[in-house]
PDB file of N, CA and C in Angstrom:
ATOM      1  N   MET A   1      -9.833   8.239  20.905  1.00  0.00           N
ATOM      2  CA  MET A   1     -10.018   9.711  20.830  1.00  0.00           C
ATOM      3  C   MET A   1     -10.384  10.306  22.237  1.00  0.00           C
ATOM      4  N   SER A   2     -10.385   9.466  23.265  1.00  0.00           N
ATOM      5  CA  SER A   2     -10.692  10.059  24.587  1.00  0.00           C
ATOM      6  C   SER A   2      -9.588  11.061  25.006  1.00  0.00           C
ATOM      7  N   GLU A   3      -8.384  10.826  24.526  1.00  0.00           N
ATOM      8  CA  GLU A   3      -7.310  11.796  24.832  1.00  0.00           C
ATOM      9  C   GLU A   3      -7.572  13.162  24.178  1.00  0.00           C
ATOM     10  N   LEU A   4      -8.164  13.111  23.018  1.00  0.00           N
ATOM     11  CA  LEU A   4      -8.511  14.321  22.310  1.00  0.00           C
ATOM     12  C   LEU A   4      -9.584  15.106  23.084  1.00  0.00           C
ATOM     13  N   ILE A   5     -10.615  14.461  23.502  1.00  0.00           N
ATOM     14  CA  ILE A   5     -11.632  15.084  24.326  1.00  0.00           C
ATOM     15  C   ILE A   5     -11.059  15.617  25.628  1.00  0.00           C
ATOM     16  N   GLU A   6     -10.193  14.877  26.245  1.00  0.00           N
ATOM     17  CA  GLU A   6      -9.585  15.212  27.524  1.00  0.00           C
ATOM     18  C   GLU A   6      -8.695  16.496  27.342  1.00  0.00           C
ATOM     19  N   ALA A   7      -7.969  16.523  26.292  1.00  0.00           N
ATOM     20  CA  ALA A   7      -7.081  17.699  25.981  1.00  0.00           C
ATOM     21  C   ALA A   7      -7.980  18.993  25.732  1.00  0.00           C
ATOM     22  N   ARG A   8      -9.068  18.754  25.012  1.00  0.00           N
ATOM     23  CA  ARG A   8      -9.910  19.864  24.733  1.00  0.00           C
ATOM     24  C   ARG A   8     -10.573  20.417  26.021  1.00  0.00           C
ATOM     25  N   TYR A   9     -11.059  19.475  26.861  1.00  0.00           N
ATOM     26  CA  TYR A   9     -11.698  19.922  28.167  1.00  0.00           C
ATOM     27  C   TYR A   9     -10.691  20.585  29.065  1.00  0.00           C
ATOM     28  N   GLU A  10      -9.433  20.059  29.118  1.00  0.00           N
ATOM     29  CA  GLU A  10      -8.409  20.625  29.976  1.00  0.00           C
ATOM     30  C   GLU A  10      -8.119  22.066  29.623  1.00  0.00           C
ATOM     31  N   GLN A  11      -8.217  22.365  28.338  1.00  0.00           N
ATOM     32  CA  GLN A  11      -7.933  23.703  27.850  1.00  0.00           C
ATOM     33  C   GLN A  11      -9.169  24.579  27.818  1.00  0.00           C
ATOM     34  N   GLY A  12     -10.324  24.014  28.166  1.00  0.00           N
ATOM     35  CA  GLY A  12     -11.609  24.823  28.150  1.00  0.00           C
ATOM     36  C   GLY A  12     -12.038  25.206  26.780  1.00  0.00           C
ATOM     37  N   ILE A  13     -11.705  24.392  25.814  1.00  0.00           N
ATOM     38  CA  ILE A  13     -12.017  24.787  24.365  1.00  0.00           C
ATOM     39  C   ILE A  13     -13.274  23.993  23.947  1.00  0.00           C
ATOM     40  N   SER A  14     -14.224  24.700  23.388  1.00  0.00           N
ATOM     41  CA  SER A  14     -15.416  24.147  22.842  1.00  0.00           C
ATOM     42  C   SER A  14     -15.056  23.505  21.469  1.00  0.00           C
ATOM     43  N   GLN A  15     -15.889  22.628  21.001  1.00  0.00           N
ATOM     44  CA  GLN A  15     -15.772  22.064  19.614  1.00  0.00           C
ATOM     45  C   GLN A  15     -15.753  23.265  18.629  1.00  0.00           C
ATOM     46  N   LYS A  16     -16.588  24.263  18.807  1.00  0.00           N
ATOM     47  CA  LYS A  16     -16.685  25.356  17.920  1.00  0.00           C
ATOM     48  C   LYS A  16     -15.448  26.177  17.904  1.00  0.00           C
ATOM     49  N   LYS A  17     -14.867  26.392  19.052  1.00  0.00           N
ATOM     50  CA  LYS A  17     -13.567  27.155  19.084  1.00  0.00           C
ATOM     51  C   LYS A  17     -12.521  26.334  18.452  1.00  0.00           C
ATOM     52  N   LEU A  18     -12.530  25.047  18.666  1.00  0.00           N
ATOM     53  CA  LEU A  18     -11.519  24.157  18.103  1.00  0.00           C
ATOM     54  C   LEU A  18     -11.629  24.225  16.547  1.00  0.00           C
ATOM     55  N   GLU A  19     -12.841  24.299  16.063  1.00  0.00           N
ATOM     56  CA  GLU A  19     -13.103  24.462  14.625  1.00  0.00           C
ATOM     57  C   GLU A  19     -12.387  25.741  14.147  1.00  0.00           C
ATOM     58  N   GLU A  20     -12.529  26.806  14.875  1.00  0.00           N
ATOM     59  CA  GLU A  20     -11.954  28.106  14.474  1.00  0.00           C
ATOM     60  C   GLU A  20     -10.432  28.048  14.456  1.00  0.00           C
ATOM     61  N   VAL A  21      -9.822  27.432  15.379  1.00  0.00           N
ATOM     62  CA  VAL A  21      -8.383  27.468  15.457  1.00  0.00           C
ATOM     63  C   VAL A  21      -7.732  26.354  14.587  1.00  0.00           C
ATOM     64  N   SER A  22      -8.422  25.273  14.302  1.00  0.00           N
ATOM     65  CA  SER A  22      -7.884  24.127  13.561  1.00  0.00           C
ATOM     66  C   SER A  22      -8.252  24.190  12.070  1.00  0.00           C
ATOM     67  N   GLY A  23      -9.339  24.818  11.746  1.00  0.00           N
ATOM     68  CA  GLY A  23      -9.847  24.775  10.397  1.00  0.00           C
ATOM     69  C   GLY A  23     -10.612  23.464  10.056  1.00  0.00           C
ATOM     70  N   ILE A  24     -10.799  22.688  11.023  1.00  0.00           N
ATOM     71  CA  ILE A  24     -11.590  21.395  10.880  1.00  0.00           C
ATOM     72  C   ILE A  24     -13.025  21.646  11.413  1.00  0.00           C
ATOM     73  N   SER A  25     -14.031  21.359  10.593  1.00  0.00           N
ATOM     74  CA  SER A  25     -15.357  21.772  10.966  1.00  0.00           C
ATOM     75  C   SER A  25     -15.823  21.054  12.227  1.00  0.00           C
ATOM     76  N   GLN A  26     -16.680  21.727  12.957  1.00  0.00           N
ATOM     77  CA  GLN A  26     -17.199  21.164  14.234  1.00  0.00           C
ATOM     78  C   GLN A  26     -17.853  19.847  14.082  1.00  0.00           C
ATOM     79  N   PRO A  27     -18.724  19.635  13.013  1.00  0.00           N
ATOM     80  CA  PRO A  27     -19.299  18.296  12.871  1.00  0.00           C
ATOM     81  C   PRO A  27     -18.261  17.129  12.699  1.00  0.00           C
ATOM     82  N   VAL A  28     -17.134  17.455  12.051  1.00  0.00           N
ATOM     83  CA  VAL A  28     -16.086  16.438  11.890  1.00  0.00           C
ATOM     84  C   VAL A  28     -15.461  16.213  13.231  1.00  0.00           C
ATOM     85  N   ILE A  29     -15.187  17.262  14.025  1.00  0.00           N
ATOM     86  CA  ILE A  29     -14.601  17.114  15.329  1.00  0.00           C
ATOM     87  C   ILE A  29     -15.604  16.220  16.223  1.00  0.00           C
ATOM     88  N   ALA A  30     -16.838  16.535  16.186  1.00  0.00           N
ATOM     89  CA  ALA A  30     -17.805  15.758  16.948  1.00  0.00           C
ATOM     90  C   ALA A  30     -17.787  14.314  16.553  1.00  0.00           C
ATOM     91  N   ARG A  31     -17.751  13.998  15.309  1.00  0.00           N
ATOM     92  CA  ARG A  31     -17.743  12.636  14.785  1.00  0.00           C
ATOM     93  C   ARG A  31     -16.440  11.946  15.183  1.00  0.00           C
ATOM     94  N   MET A  32     -15.325  12.658  15.221  1.00  0.00           N
ATOM     95  CA  MET A  32     -14.016  12.142  15.693  1.00  0.00           C
ATOM     96  C   MET A  32     -14.179  11.752  17.132  1.00  0.00           C
ATOM     97  N   GLU A  33     -14.681  12.622  17.920  1.00  0.00           N
ATOM     98  CA  GLU A  33     -14.824  12.333  19.393  1.00  0.00           C
ATOM     99  C   GLU A  33     -15.753  11.231  19.708  1.00  0.00           C
ATOM    100  N   THR A  34     -16.745  11.045  18.940  1.00  0.00           N
ATOM    101  CA  THR A  34     -17.731   9.998  19.202  1.00  0.00           C
ATOM    102  C   THR A  34     -17.353   8.694  18.518  1.00  0.00           C
ATOM    103  N   GLY A  35     -16.294   8.682  17.743  1.00  0.00           N
ATOM    104  CA  GLY A  35     -15.918   7.468  16.981  1.00  0.00           C
ATOM    105  C   GLY A  35     -16.742   7.096  15.812  1.00  0.00           C
ATOM    106  N   LYS A  36     -17.480   8.110  15.319  1.00  0.00           N
ATOM    107  CA  LYS A  36     -18.370   7.835  14.158  1.00  0.00           C
ATOM    108  C   LYS A  36     -17.708   8.062  12.862  1.00  0.00           C
ATOM    109  N   THR A  37     -16.433   8.327  12.820  1.00  0.00           N
ATOM    110  CA  THR A  37     -15.670   8.516  11.640  1.00  0.00           C
ATOM    111  C   THR A  37     -14.265   8.030  11.847  1.00  0.00           C
ATOM    112  N   SER A  38     -13.575   7.678  10.769  1.00  0.00           N
ATOM    113  CA  SER A  38     -12.201   7.345  10.789  1.00  0.00           C
ATOM    114  C   SER A  38     -11.502   8.473  10.020  1.00  0.00           C
ATOM    115  N   PRO A  39     -10.976   9.513  10.736  1.00  0.00           N
ATOM    116  CA  PRO A  39     -10.475  10.698  10.094  1.00  0.00           C
ATOM    117  C   PRO A  39      -9.122  10.357   9.457  1.00  0.00           C
ATOM    118  N   GLN A  40      -8.833  11.192   8.470  1.00  0.00           N
ATOM    119  CA  GLN A  40      -7.580  11.091   7.770  1.00  0.00           C
ATOM    120  C   GLN A  40      -6.496  11.609   8.724  1.00  0.00           C
ATOM    121  N   LEU A  41      -5.250  11.123   8.509  1.00  0.00           N
ATOM    122  CA  LEU A  41      -4.204  11.489   9.403  1.00  0.00           C
ATOM    123  C   LEU A  41      -3.971  12.958   9.485  1.00  0.00           C
ATOM    124  N   ASP A  42      -4.044  13.671   8.353  1.00  0.00           N
ATOM    125  CA  ASP A  42      -3.855  15.140   8.341  1.00  0.00           C
ATOM    126  C   ASP A  42      -4.875  15.893   9.163  1.00  0.00           C
ATOM    127  N   THR A  43      -6.110  15.337   9.225  1.00  0.00           N
ATOM    128  CA  THR A  43      -7.166  15.911  10.017  1.00  0.00           C
ATOM    129  C   THR A  43      -6.780  15.765  11.497  1.00  0.00           C
ATOM    130  N   VAL A  44      -6.392  14.612  11.884  1.00  0.00           N
ATOM    131  CA  VAL A  44      -6.019  14.386  13.290  1.00  0.00           C
ATOM    132  C   VAL A  44      -4.841  15.259  13.693  1.00  0.00           C
ATOM    133  N   LEU A  45      -3.862  15.381  12.787  1.00  0.00           N
ATOM    134  CA  LEU A  45      -2.661  16.195  13.104  1.00  0.00           C
ATOM    135  C   LEU A  45      -3.024  17.665  13.275  1.00  0.00           C
ATOM    136  N   LYS A  46      -3.926  18.157  12.414  1.00  0.00           N
ATOM    137  CA  LYS A  46      -4.368  19.572  12.558  1.00  0.00           C
ATOM    138  C   LYS A  46      -5.085  19.817  13.880  1.00  0.00           C
ATOM    139  N   VAL A  47      -5.949  18.897  14.281  1.00  0.00           N
ATOM    140  CA  VAL A  47      -6.670  19.109  15.531  1.00  0.00           C
ATOM    141  C   VAL A  47      -5.712  19.016  16.704  1.00  0.00           C
ATOM    142  N   LEU A  48      -4.805  18.054  16.698  1.00  0.00           N
ATOM    143  CA  LEU A  48      -3.849  17.857  17.761  1.00  0.00           C
ATOM    144  C   LEU A  48      -2.924  19.090  17.856  1.00  0.00           C
ATOM    145  N   ALA A  49      -2.403  19.592  16.757  1.00  0.00           N
ATOM    146  CA  ALA A  49      -1.579  20.772  16.770  1.00  0.00           C
ATOM    147  C   ALA A  49      -2.273  21.959  17.338  1.00  0.00           C
ATOM    148  N   SER A  50      -3.536  22.098  17.083  1.00  0.00           N
ATOM    149  CA  SER A  50      -4.341  23.238  17.630  1.00  0.00           C
ATOM    150  C   SER A  50      -4.472  23.103  19.172  1.00  0.00           C
ATOM    151  N   LEU A  51      -4.321  21.874  19.662  1.00  0.00           N
ATOM    152  CA  LEU A  51      -4.443  21.718  21.103  1.00  0.00           C
ATOM    153  C   LEU A  51      -3.035  21.674  21.745  1.00  0.00           C
ATOM    154  N   GLY A  52      -2.027  21.865  20.934  1.00  0.00           N
ATOM    155  CA  GLY A  52      -0.624  21.826  21.434  1.00  0.00           C
ATOM    156  C   GLY A  52      -0.199  20.421  21.693  1.00  0.00           C
ATOM    157  N   LYS A  53      -0.746  19.436  20.975  1.00  0.00           N
ATOM    158  CA  LYS A  53      -0.386  18.056  21.143  1.00  0.00           C
ATOM    159  C   LYS A  53       0.232  17.510  19.854  1.00  0.00           C
ATOM    160  N   THR A  54       0.768  16.329  19.945  1.00  0.00           N
ATOM    161  CA  THR A  54       1.392  15.593  18.734  1.00  0.00           C
ATOM    162  C   THR A  54       0.915  14.183  18.836  1.00  0.00           C
ATOM    163  N   LEU A  55       1.149  13.554  17.734  1.00  0.00           N
ATOM    164  CA  LEU A  55       0.848  12.054  17.584  1.00  0.00           C
ATOM    165  C   LEU A  55       2.116  11.356  17.884  1.00  0.00           C
ATOM    166  N   ALA A  56       2.051  10.303  18.667  1.00  0.00           N
ATOM    167  CA  ALA A  56       3.249   9.470  18.976  1.00  0.00           C
ATOM    168  C   ALA A  56       2.952   8.029  18.568  1.00  0.00           C
ATOM    169  N   ILE A  57       4.026   7.404  18.049  1.00  0.00           N
ATOM    170  CA  ILE A  57       3.903   5.982  17.735  1.00  0.00           C
ATOM    171  C   ILE A  57       4.637   5.241  18.870  1.00  0.00           C
ATOM    172  N   VAL A  58       3.888   4.388  19.538  1.00  0.00           N
ATOM    173  CA  VAL A  58       4.439   3.633  20.665  1.00  0.00           C
ATOM    174  C   VAL A  58       4.207   2.131  20.416  1.00  0.00           C
ATOM    175  N   PRO A  59       5.057   1.336  21.077  1.00  0.00           N
ATOM    176  CA  PRO A  59       4.886  -0.141  20.890  1.00  0.00           C
ATOM    177  C   PRO A  59       3.584  -0.646  21.507  1.00  0.00           C
ATOM    178  N   LEU A  60       3.064  -1.623  20.910  1.00  0.00           N
ATOM    179  CA  LEU A  60       1.828  -2.297  21.520  1.00  0.00           C
ATOM    180  C   LEU A  60       2.245  -2.954  22.798  1.00  0.00           C
ATOM    181  N   GLU A  61       1.306  -3.070  23.668  1.00  0.00           N
ATOM    182  CA  GLU A  61       1.499  -3.809  24.915  1.00  0.00           C
ATOM    183  C   GLU A  61       1.691  -5.268  24.562  1.00  0.00           C
ATOM    184  N   GLN A  62       2.512  -5.912  25.394  1.00  0.00           N
ATOM    185  CA  GLN A  62       2.739  -7.345  25.170  1.00  0.00           C
ATOM    186  C   GLN A  62       1.481  -8.213  25.137  1.00  0.00           C
ATOM    187  N   GLY A  63       1.282  -8.956  24.080  1.00  0.00           N
ATOM    188  CA  GLY A  63       0.105  -9.799  23.973  1.00  0.00           C
ATOM    189  C   GLY A  63      -1.080  -9.162  23.274  1.00  0.00           C
ATOM    190  N   LYS A  64      -0.971  -7.880  22.893  1.00  0.00           N
ATOM    191  CA  LYS A  64      -2.040  -7.202  22.182  1.00  0.00           C
ATOM    192  C   LYS A  64      -1.631  -6.988  20.748  1.00  0.00           C
ATOM    193  N   SER A  65      -2.553  -7.009  19.856  1.00  0.00           N
ATOM    194  CA  SER A  65      -2.273  -6.663  18.455  1.00  0.00           C
ATOM    195  C   SER A  65      -3.376  -5.909  17.784  1.00  0.00           C
TER     196      SER A  65
END
């Protein structure tokens, strides 16, 4: 989720503002960013879309699983 935090900081968006534009509550966003929750895919997609980002499926690095 570090990429999520980085995207939010780059755009100068607070968690509260992200709540307003994504429809996902600020406490859920905070838990996502701190790793204290395993959000549903639709939640992640809503937050990413609000930041102008998308989710990509990429191959694992060699030797990692």
